[in-house]
Amino acid sequence: MQNVKNVQHVFLVGAKSLGAYGGYETFINKLTEYHQNNEKVKYHVACKANGDGSMDETKVDGVTKISDTEFFYHNAHCFKIRVPNVGPAQAIYYDVAALNECCKYIKTHKIPHPIVYIMACRIGPFAAHFYKKIHKLGGKVFLNPDGHEWMRAKWSAPIRRYWKVSEQIMVKYCDLAICDSVNIEKYIHEYYDGKGIRGANPQTTFIAYGAETSKSQLADNDRRLINWYQQKGLTAKGYYLVVGRFVPENNYETMIREFMKSSSTHDFAIITNVNDKFLDELEQKLNYKSDSRIKFVGTVYDQELLKKIRENAYGYFHGHEVGGTNPSLLEALGSTDLNLLLNVGFNREVAEDAALYWTKEDDNLATLIENADSMSAEEVAEYGKKAKIRIADAYSWQFIVDEYEKVFLGQKQGHDVYEFKHDFLRSV
């Protein structure tokens, strides 16, 4: 391990594993990858040892095992937290246990001025306790407030109320809130200015998620690609694509219903970790199995293959309605020429004029799909060019991790009064 006195140690809490499609998982994977040879910052990553979305390091390349509960990945020290089956409270238990482990590690190894970066606002009732404990150890608490978790359709009304109160407490008890969207930073100040410790405004800064700008290393005739297409019944440029978590607020129901209404000759390929209960609900509502164009094609963990699948898509659908800058949207803009996005502030903030936009009104997306089908190759290519420029200018992973390094090393300061330089629509 690097000399603790000369290194900024950063503890990352909030991701389940480093092989899933979630936003935080993608972020930590890329942050540690790009910083694996950075001698100024040392990362410690909490992972879930068991249950839904848990870490299986045997399926990830480049892992060096330390013990049954610890391993190195991208030169980051990763430690696994076992979570009992306590129902919906598992996520809260996981974060609390991970933070306790972080504090124990900091104390045992006498790590000076650590930063504990908590992702998502799950543990509000414990926020003050850990804030004080980490400060007593000489550290600071950073927070990524995510994006309106209390609005997600998967939660019941009582859980949504919990999320909202938890968010308020956690924004109060943090030294810096790192917002991955301009809209989220704006929201934090609109709702929480004057509600910090001793009536202070929250300290915030904006750093988005990133995306790759390089092309896939796979050739068009690569056997991995050809085999995948044959297995799934797809052809290059013959399908629309979506990649993401299979949850209601990502608007799979709207996208499938509207695609079925359209007369598109393309297929609709859905790459996701399927939730059988939600899938059954969609079948009952939509009878999508009657439409051979709708194809649930499973998951793809081979990153080069996934990138090539994105590049070869005719178009990409993005229906995320809740949250900040979404990794799957950035990856699509970096790879796919034609992107059809739900018209909310978060998505417009990212893509600007490099995409087409749809609403949840009846027939709106179906009409847009048919219009997209009739676009010329030159028109599609122009959208692709704009999208790549947008990602390269503002969302490349190198740019993003450089911004994080500045924050972790104290070279990029937060601010407590947000200057409203952007007039984006806010999806709150």
Protein backbone atom coordinates (compact mmCIF):
# COMPACT_ATOMS: atom_id res chain seq x y z
CA MET A 1 0.00 0.00 0.00
CA GLN A 2 1.22 3.50 -0.79
CA ASN A 3 2.57 5.61 2.07
CA VAL A 4 -0.57 6.72 3.89
CA LYS A 5 0.89 10.12 4.74
CA ASN A 6 1.52 11.07 1.11
CA VAL A 7 -1.69 9.71 -0.38
CA GLN A 8 -5.30 10.87 -0.27
CA HIS A 9 -7.34 7.83 0.75
CA VAL A 10 -10.90 7.81 -0.59
CA PHE A 11 -13.51 5.32 0.63
CA LEU A 12 -16.33 4.66 -1.83
CA VAL A 13 -19.65 3.47 -0.36
CA GLY A 14 -22.86 2.84 -2.29
CA ALA A 15 -22.20 0.41 -5.15
CA LYS A 16 -23.14 -3.26 -4.93
CA SER A 17 -20.52 -4.67 -7.27
CA LEU A 18 -18.14 -3.75 -10.05
CA GLY A 19 -19.76 -5.87 -12.74
CA ALA A 20 -23.36 -4.59 -12.85
CA TYR A 21 -25.18 -2.06 -15.04
CA GLY A 22 -25.90 0.40 -12.22
CA GLY A 23 -24.67 3.98 -12.41
CA TYR A 24 -22.48 3.86 -9.32
CA GLU A 25 -21.00 0.52 -10.37
CA THR A 26 -20.06 1.97 -13.76
CA PHE A 27 -18.65 5.09 -12.16
CA ILE A 28 -16.45 3.26 -9.65
CA ASN A 29 -15.26 0.84 -12.31
CA LYS A 30 -14.09 3.70 -14.53
CA LEU A 31 -12.76 5.89 -11.69
CA THR A 32 -10.52 3.09 -10.43
CA GLU A 33 -9.54 2.03 -13.95
CA TYR A 34 -8.37 5.48 -14.99
CA HIS A 35 -6.70 6.13 -11.62
CA GLN A 36 -5.12 2.70 -11.11
CA ASN A 37 -1.64 4.16 -11.59
CA ASN A 38 -2.40 7.43 -9.79
CA GLU A 39 0.07 7.75 -6.92
CA LYS A 40 -1.84 10.62 -5.29
CA VAL A 41 -5.13 8.83 -4.61
CA LYS A 42 -5.82 5.41 -3.08
CA TYR A 43 -9.35 3.98 -3.36
CA HIS A 44 -11.14 1.65 -0.97
CA VAL A 45 -14.37 0.20 -2.37
CA ALA A 46 -17.23 -1.41 -0.46
CA CYS A 47 -18.91 -4.32 -2.27
CA LYS A 48 -21.91 -6.46 -1.42
CA ALA A 49 -20.92 -10.04 -0.53
CA ASN A 50 -24.27 -11.77 -1.01
CA GLY A 51 -27.80 -11.33 -2.30
CA ASP A 52 -29.15 -9.35 -5.23
CA GLY A 53 -26.46 -7.62 -7.28
CA SER A 54 -23.62 -8.95 -5.13
CA MET A 55 -19.97 -8.90 -6.16
CA ASP A 56 -18.50 -12.00 -7.79
CA GLU A 57 -14.86 -11.13 -8.33
CA THR A 58 -14.20 -14.45 -10.10
CA LYS A 59 -16.09 -13.06 -13.12
CA VAL A 60 -13.97 -9.91 -13.35
CA ASP A 61 -10.56 -9.79 -15.03
CA GLY A 62 -7.59 -8.29 -13.22
CA VAL A 63 -8.55 -9.21 -9.64
CA THR A 64 -5.92 -10.09 -7.03
CA LYS A 65 -7.45 -11.94 -4.11
CA ILE A 66 -6.36 -10.96 -0.59
CA SER A 67 -8.82 -13.05 1.41
CA ASP A 68 -12.40 -14.30 1.20
CA THR A 69 -13.60 -10.77 1.92
CA GLU A 70 -10.92 -8.58 0.32
CA PHE A 71 -9.29 -8.19 -3.08
CA PHE A 72 -7.48 -5.66 -5.25
CA TYR A 73 -9.05 -4.48 -8.50
CA HIS A 74 -7.61 -1.64 -10.61
CA ASN A 75 -5.19 -1.20 -7.68
CA ALA A 76 -8.18 -0.33 -5.46
CA HIS A 77 -8.63 -2.09 -2.14
CA CYS A 78 -12.09 -3.72 -2.27
CA PHE A 79 -13.85 -5.23 0.74
CA LYS A 80 -17.04 -7.28 0.82
CA ILE A 81 -19.93 -6.72 3.23
CA ARG A 82 -22.30 -9.58 4.07
CA VAL A 83 -25.93 -8.47 4.35
CA PRO A 84 -28.66 -10.43 6.18
CA ASN A 85 -32.02 -10.91 4.52
CA VAL A 86 -33.89 -8.02 6.14
CA GLY A 87 -36.15 -7.16 3.21
CA PRO A 88 -36.24 -3.57 1.93
CA ALA A 89 -33.87 -2.50 4.71
CA GLN A 90 -30.99 -4.43 3.13
CA ALA A 91 -29.67 -1.37 1.30
CA ILE A 92 -29.63 0.67 4.51
CA TYR A 93 -27.97 -2.14 6.45
CA TYR A 94 -25.35 -2.51 3.70
CA ASP A 95 -24.37 1.17 3.74
CA VAL A 96 -24.25 1.32 7.54
CA ALA A 97 -22.12 -1.83 7.74
CA ALA A 98 -19.83 -0.52 4.98
CA LEU A 99 -19.35 2.80 6.79
CA ASN A 100 -18.56 1.01 10.04
CA GLU A 101 -15.95 -1.03 8.17
CA CYS A 102 -14.48 2.16 6.65
CA CYS A 103 -14.17 3.78 10.08
CA LYS A 104 -12.59 0.64 11.50
CA TYR A 105 -10.06 0.51 8.65
CA ILE A 106 -9.22 4.21 8.97
CA LYS A 107 -8.63 3.88 12.71
CA THR A 108 -6.64 0.62 12.50
CA HIS A 109 -4.35 1.88 9.73
CA LYS A 110 -4.11 5.41 11.17
CA ILE A 111 -5.07 6.98 7.84
CA PRO A 112 -4.88 10.79 7.97
CA HIS A 113 -7.49 13.10 6.43
CA PRO A 114 -9.55 10.36 4.69
CA ILE A 115 -12.52 11.14 2.46
CA VAL A 116 -15.58 8.92 2.73
CA TYR A 117 -17.68 9.35 -0.41
CA ILE A 118 -21.25 8.09 0.10
CA MET A 119 -23.35 7.50 -3.00
CA ALA A 120 -27.14 7.88 -2.63
CA CYS A 121 -29.15 9.15 0.34
CA ARG A 122 -30.17 5.90 1.99
CA ILE A 123 -28.97 6.31 5.58
CA GLY A 124 -30.40 9.63 6.76
CA PRO A 125 -31.12 8.52 10.36
CA PHE A 126 -27.43 7.53 10.73
CA ALA A 127 -25.94 10.48 8.83
CA ALA A 128 -25.16 12.68 11.85
CA HIS A 129 -23.55 9.76 13.68
CA PHE A 130 -21.17 8.91 10.85
CA TYR A 131 -20.49 12.57 10.04
CA LYS A 132 -19.29 13.13 13.62
CA LYS A 133 -17.41 9.82 13.74
CA ILE A 134 -15.55 10.45 10.48
CA HIS A 135 -14.75 14.02 11.50
CA LYS A 136 -13.38 12.72 14.81
CA LEU A 137 -11.06 10.50 12.75
CA GLY A 138 -9.87 13.60 10.89
CA GLY A 139 -11.86 12.87 7.75
CA LYS A 140 -14.54 14.45 5.59
CA VAL A 141 -17.85 13.17 4.24
CA PHE A 142 -18.66 13.68 0.57
CA LEU A 143 -22.08 12.78 -0.84
CA ASN A 144 -23.48 12.03 -4.26
CA PRO A 145 -27.19 12.80 -3.73
CA ASP A 146 -28.17 10.81 -6.83
CA GLY A 147 -31.42 11.95 -8.43
CA HIS A 148 -34.74 12.06 -6.61
CA GLU A 149 -34.77 8.49 -5.32
CA TRP A 150 -37.98 9.41 -3.50
CA MET A 151 -39.73 9.73 -6.88
CA ARG A 152 -38.99 6.22 -8.11
CA ALA A 153 -42.11 4.23 -8.97
CA LYS A 154 -40.78 1.02 -7.44
CA TRP A 155 -41.12 2.42 -3.90
CA SER A 156 -44.29 2.47 -1.80
CA ALA A 157 -45.53 5.79 -0.40
CA PRO A 158 -43.98 5.25 3.09
CA ILE A 159 -40.60 4.35 1.58
CA ARG A 160 -40.73 7.39 -0.69
CA ARG A 161 -41.33 9.58 2.37
CA TYR A 162 -38.35 7.93 4.06
CA TRP A 163 -36.14 8.64 1.03
CA LYS A 164 -37.16 12.32 1.01
CA VAL A 165 -36.42 12.82 4.72
CA SER A 166 -33.20 10.80 4.42
CA GLU A 167 -32.06 13.01 1.54
CA GLN A 168 -32.65 16.16 3.58
CA ILE A 169 -30.61 14.84 6.53
CA MET A 170 -27.74 13.56 4.41
CA VAL A 171 -27.41 16.80 2.45
CA LYS A 172 -27.17 18.55 5.82
CA TYR A 173 -24.51 16.22 7.22
CA CYS A 174 -21.95 16.25 4.44
CA ASP A 175 -18.95 18.43 3.70
CA LEU A 176 -19.55 18.44 -0.03
CA ALA A 177 -22.38 17.23 -2.28
CA ILE A 178 -21.02 16.18 -5.69
CA CYS A 179 -23.94 16.47 -8.11
CA ASP A 180 -23.79 14.54 -11.37
CA SER A 181 -26.28 16.87 -13.06
CA VAL A 182 -26.68 20.64 -13.27
CA ASN A 183 -30.37 20.06 -12.60
CA ILE A 184 -29.58 18.13 -9.40
CA GLU A 185 -27.23 20.85 -8.16
CA LYS A 186 -29.91 23.42 -8.86
CA TYR A 187 -32.48 21.29 -7.02
CA ILE A 188 -30.22 20.87 -3.96
CA HIS A 189 -29.89 24.62 -3.54
CA GLU A 190 -33.54 25.38 -4.25
CA TYR A 191 -34.72 22.92 -1.61
CA TYR A 192 -31.93 22.90 0.97
CA ASP A 193 -30.25 26.30 1.15
CA GLY A 194 -30.31 27.47 4.77
CA LYS A 195 -30.88 23.91 6.01
CA GLY A 196 -27.29 22.81 6.53
CA ILE A 197 -25.41 22.67 9.81
CA ARG A 198 -26.13 25.84 11.80
CA GLY A 199 -28.32 27.08 8.96
CA ALA A 200 -25.57 27.04 6.33
CA ASN A 201 -26.16 26.41 2.65
CA PRO A 202 -24.93 23.02 1.39
CA GLN A 203 -21.55 23.00 -0.31
CA THR A 204 -21.92 21.58 -3.81
CA THR A 205 -20.00 21.01 -6.99
CA PHE A 206 -20.96 19.53 -10.36
CA ILE A 207 -19.18 16.54 -11.87
CA ALA A 208 -21.09 14.39 -14.34
CA TYR A 209 -20.68 10.72 -15.13
CA GLY A 210 -18.44 9.90 -18.06
CA ALA A 211 -18.48 7.84 -21.22
CA GLU A 212 -16.03 6.20 -23.57
CA THR A 213 -15.34 7.99 -26.83
CA SER A 214 -13.22 5.27 -28.47
CA LYS A 215 -14.61 2.76 -30.95
CA SER A 216 -15.01 -0.90 -30.06
CA GLN A 217 -11.98 -3.05 -30.84
CA LEU A 218 -14.23 -5.70 -32.39
CA ALA A 219 -14.40 -5.91 -36.18
CA ASP A 220 -17.71 -6.29 -37.99
CA ASN A 221 -16.88 -9.93 -38.74
CA ASP A 222 -15.69 -10.79 -35.23
CA ARG A 223 -16.97 -14.22 -34.27
CA ARG A 224 -18.23 -13.00 -30.85
CA LEU A 225 -20.41 -10.41 -32.55
CA ILE A 226 -21.67 -12.69 -35.31
CA ASN A 227 -22.52 -15.45 -32.85
CA TRP A 228 -24.41 -13.03 -30.63
CA TYR A 229 -26.44 -11.69 -33.56
CA GLN A 230 -27.27 -15.21 -34.71
CA GLN A 231 -28.35 -16.28 -31.21
CA LYS A 232 -30.58 -13.22 -30.77
CA GLY A 233 -31.98 -13.03 -34.30
CA LEU A 234 -30.56 -9.56 -34.97
CA THR A 235 -28.55 -7.88 -37.72
CA ALA A 236 -26.29 -4.82 -37.73
CA LYS A 237 -28.30 -1.58 -38.13
CA GLY A 238 -31.47 -3.66 -38.03
CA TYR A 239 -32.52 -2.89 -34.46
CA TYR A 240 -33.27 -0.19 -31.94
CA LEU A 241 -31.59 -0.77 -28.60
CA VAL A 242 -31.97 -0.03 -24.91
CA VAL A 243 -29.53 -0.97 -22.13
CA GLY A 244 -30.36 -0.42 -18.49
CA ARG A 245 -31.96 -1.55 -15.27
CA PHE A 246 -35.36 -3.14 -15.72
CA VAL A 247 -37.40 -0.85 -13.46
CA PRO A 248 -40.71 1.01 -14.08
CA GLU A 249 -39.32 4.56 -13.93
CA ASN A 250 -37.15 3.81 -16.97
CA ASN A 251 -40.40 3.65 -18.96
CA TYR A 252 -40.03 0.25 -20.61
CA GLU A 253 -43.82 0.03 -20.77
CA THR A 254 -44.11 3.22 -22.81
CA MET A 255 -41.23 2.30 -25.12
CA ILE A 256 -42.54 -1.20 -25.84
CA ARG A 257 -46.16 -0.06 -26.28
CA GLU A 258 -45.19 2.73 -28.68
CA PHE A 259 -42.81 0.53 -30.63
CA MET A 260 -45.58 -2.02 -31.07
CA LYS A 261 -47.83 0.75 -32.42
CA SER A 262 -45.23 1.81 -34.96
CA SER A 263 -44.80 0.28 -38.38
CA SER A 264 -41.02 0.07 -37.96
CA THR A 265 -39.28 -2.71 -39.86
CA HIS A 266 -36.52 -2.78 -37.24
CA ASP A 267 -36.36 -4.95 -34.14
CA PHE A 268 -36.31 -3.61 -30.58
CA ALA A 269 -33.48 -5.27 -28.61
CA ILE A 270 -33.62 -4.88 -24.82
CA ILE A 271 -30.43 -5.62 -22.88
CA THR A 272 -31.29 -5.83 -19.20
CA ASN A 273 -31.27 -8.03 -16.11
CA VAL A 274 -34.89 -9.12 -16.33
CA ASN A 275 -37.22 -8.90 -13.33
CA ASP A 276 -39.76 -11.70 -13.85
CA LYS A 277 -42.52 -9.98 -11.88
CA PHE A 278 -42.23 -6.76 -13.89
CA LEU A 279 -41.89 -8.77 -17.11
CA ASP A 280 -45.15 -10.62 -16.36
CA GLU A 281 -46.89 -7.32 -15.68
CA LEU A 282 -45.78 -5.96 -19.05
CA GLU A 283 -46.96 -9.09 -20.86
CA GLN A 284 -50.40 -8.80 -19.24
CA LYS A 285 -50.66 -5.13 -20.20
CA LEU A 286 -49.08 -5.19 -23.64
CA ASN A 287 -49.06 -8.78 -24.91
CA TYR A 288 -45.61 -7.93 -26.29
CA LYS A 289 -44.79 -11.59 -26.97
CA SER A 290 -47.18 -11.39 -29.92
CA ASP A 291 -44.78 -8.92 -31.60
CA SER A 292 -41.69 -10.74 -32.86
CA ARG A 293 -39.81 -7.43 -33.10
CA ILE A 294 -39.65 -7.12 -29.29
CA LYS A 295 -36.60 -9.06 -28.14
CA PHE A 296 -35.39 -9.35 -24.54
CA VAL A 297 -31.84 -10.49 -25.24
CA GLY A 298 -30.41 -10.86 -21.72
CA THR A 299 -27.26 -9.24 -20.37
CA VAL A 300 -23.90 -8.53 -22.00
CA TYR A 301 -20.90 -8.15 -19.69
CA ASP A 302 -18.26 -8.24 -22.43
CA GLN A 303 -17.63 -4.47 -22.67
CA GLU A 304 -16.12 -4.50 -26.15
CA LEU A 305 -19.04 -6.57 -27.44
CA LEU A 306 -21.55 -4.29 -25.76
CA LYS A 307 -19.88 -1.23 -27.27
CA LYS A 308 -20.03 -2.83 -30.73
CA ILE A 309 -23.72 -3.70 -30.24
CA ARG A 310 -24.37 -0.04 -29.41
CA GLU A 311 -22.42 1.16 -32.45
CA ASN A 312 -24.36 -1.16 -34.76
CA ALA A 313 -27.79 -0.17 -33.46
CA TYR A 314 -29.94 1.84 -35.85
CA GLY A 315 -31.13 3.88 -32.89
CA TYR A 316 -31.13 3.96 -29.10
CA PHE A 317 -34.08 4.54 -26.78
CA HIS A 318 -33.57 6.23 -23.42
CA GLY A 319 -36.58 6.40 -21.12
CA HIS A 320 -34.95 7.28 -17.79
CA GLU A 321 -37.18 9.77 -16.01
CA VAL A 322 -35.66 9.96 -12.53
CA GLY A 323 -32.06 10.76 -11.69
CA GLY A 324 -29.15 12.84 -12.86
CA THR A 325 -26.67 12.16 -15.61
CA ASN A 326 -27.24 8.54 -16.59
CA PRO A 327 -24.31 6.35 -17.68
CA SER A 328 -26.31 4.37 -20.23
CA LEU A 329 -27.30 7.62 -21.97
CA LEU A 330 -23.69 8.78 -22.12
CA GLU A 331 -22.57 5.42 -23.51
CA ALA A 332 -25.29 5.60 -26.15
CA LEU A 333 -24.31 9.11 -27.22
CA GLY A 334 -20.69 7.99 -27.39
CA SER A 335 -21.49 4.96 -29.55
CA THR A 336 -24.89 5.14 -31.30
CA ASP A 337 -25.64 7.68 -34.03
CA LEU A 338 -29.38 8.16 -33.51
CA ASN A 339 -30.68 8.60 -29.96
CA LEU A 340 -34.36 8.97 -29.04
CA LEU A 341 -34.64 10.37 -25.50
CA LEU A 342 -37.48 11.00 -23.08
CA ASN A 343 -37.96 14.77 -22.97
CA VAL A 344 -36.94 15.64 -19.40
CA GLY A 345 -34.42 18.18 -18.15
CA PHE A 346 -31.75 15.66 -17.20
CA ASN A 347 -31.65 14.18 -20.69
CA ARG A 348 -31.79 17.52 -22.52
CA GLU A 349 -28.99 18.82 -20.31
CA VAL A 350 -26.74 16.01 -21.50
CA ALA A 351 -27.62 15.61 -25.18
CA GLU A 352 -28.73 19.15 -26.10
CA ASP A 353 -29.36 19.18 -29.89
CA ALA A 354 -27.59 15.86 -30.54
CA ALA A 355 -30.72 13.72 -30.09
CA LEU A 356 -34.44 13.41 -30.83
CA TYR A 357 -36.96 13.75 -27.98
CA TRP A 358 -40.27 12.07 -27.11
CA THR A 359 -42.95 12.35 -24.47
CA LYS A 360 -45.20 9.77 -22.80
CA GLU A 361 -48.29 11.01 -24.64
CA ASP A 362 -50.09 8.42 -26.73
CA ASP A 363 -48.58 7.95 -30.21
CA ASN A 364 -45.78 10.49 -29.62
CA LEU A 365 -42.92 7.99 -29.59
CA ALA A 366 -44.53 5.78 -32.22
CA THR A 367 -44.63 8.75 -34.60
CA LEU A 368 -41.03 9.66 -33.76
CA ILE A 369 -39.91 6.08 -34.48
CA GLU A 370 -41.53 6.17 -37.90
CA ASN A 371 -39.94 9.55 -38.63
CA ALA A 372 -36.56 8.19 -37.51
CA ASP A 373 -36.98 5.17 -39.79
CA SER A 374 -37.43 7.48 -42.77
CA MET A 375 -34.36 9.65 -42.08
CA SER A 376 -31.58 9.62 -44.66
CA ALA A 377 -28.19 8.11 -43.86
CA GLU A 378 -26.72 11.61 -43.98
CA GLU A 379 -29.21 12.91 -41.39
CA VAL A 380 -28.50 10.00 -39.06
CA ALA A 381 -24.75 10.47 -39.44
CA GLU A 382 -25.05 14.17 -38.58
CA TYR A 383 -26.79 13.36 -35.30
CA GLY A 384 -24.05 10.84 -34.58
CA LYS A 385 -21.36 13.44 -35.21
CA LYS A 386 -23.03 15.93 -32.85
CA ALA A 387 -23.40 13.27 -30.15
CA LYS A 388 -19.71 12.28 -30.29
CA ILE A 389 -18.62 15.91 -30.08
CA ARG A 390 -20.93 16.48 -27.10
CA ILE A 391 -19.46 13.50 -25.22
CA ALA A 392 -15.86 14.35 -26.08
CA ASP A 393 -16.27 17.97 -24.98
CA ALA A 394 -18.03 17.42 -21.65
CA TYR A 395 -18.33 13.76 -20.66
CA SER A 396 -15.20 11.81 -21.56
CA TRP A 397 -14.08 9.59 -18.67
CA GLN A 398 -10.64 11.15 -18.68
CA PHE A 399 -12.17 14.60 -18.15
CA ILE A 400 -14.50 13.31 -15.42
CA VAL A 401 -11.87 11.45 -13.40
CA ASP A 402 -9.55 14.46 -13.68
CA GLU A 403 -12.31 16.57 -12.14
CA TYR A 404 -12.68 14.03 -9.30
CA GLU A 405 -8.95 14.11 -8.65
CA LYS A 406 -9.12 17.89 -8.28
CA VAL A 407 -11.96 17.58 -5.76
CA PHE A 408 -10.29 14.81 -3.75
CA LEU A 409 -7.00 16.72 -3.64
CA GLY A 410 -8.70 19.99 -2.70
CA GLN A 411 -7.90 21.69 -6.02
CA LYS A 412 -11.56 22.16 -7.01
CA GLN A 413 -13.67 23.90 -4.41
CA GLY A 414 -17.38 23.55 -3.77
CA HIS A 415 -19.66 26.54 -3.55
CA ASP A 416 -22.71 27.29 -1.45
CA VAL A 417 -24.54 29.68 -3.79
CA TYR A 418 -25.44 28.19 -7.14
CA GLU A 419 -25.26 30.57 -10.09
CA PHE A 420 -28.15 29.74 -12.37
CA LYS A 421 -26.31 29.94 -15.66
CA HIS A 422 -28.51 27.32 -17.34
CA ASP A 423 -32.22 27.44 -18.01
CA PHE A 424 -32.87 23.71 -18.22
CA LEU A 425 -36.28 22.21 -17.59
CA ARG A 426 -36.24 20.50 -14.21
CA SER A 427 -37.96 17.15 -13.93
CA VAL A 428 -39.06 17.50 -10.30
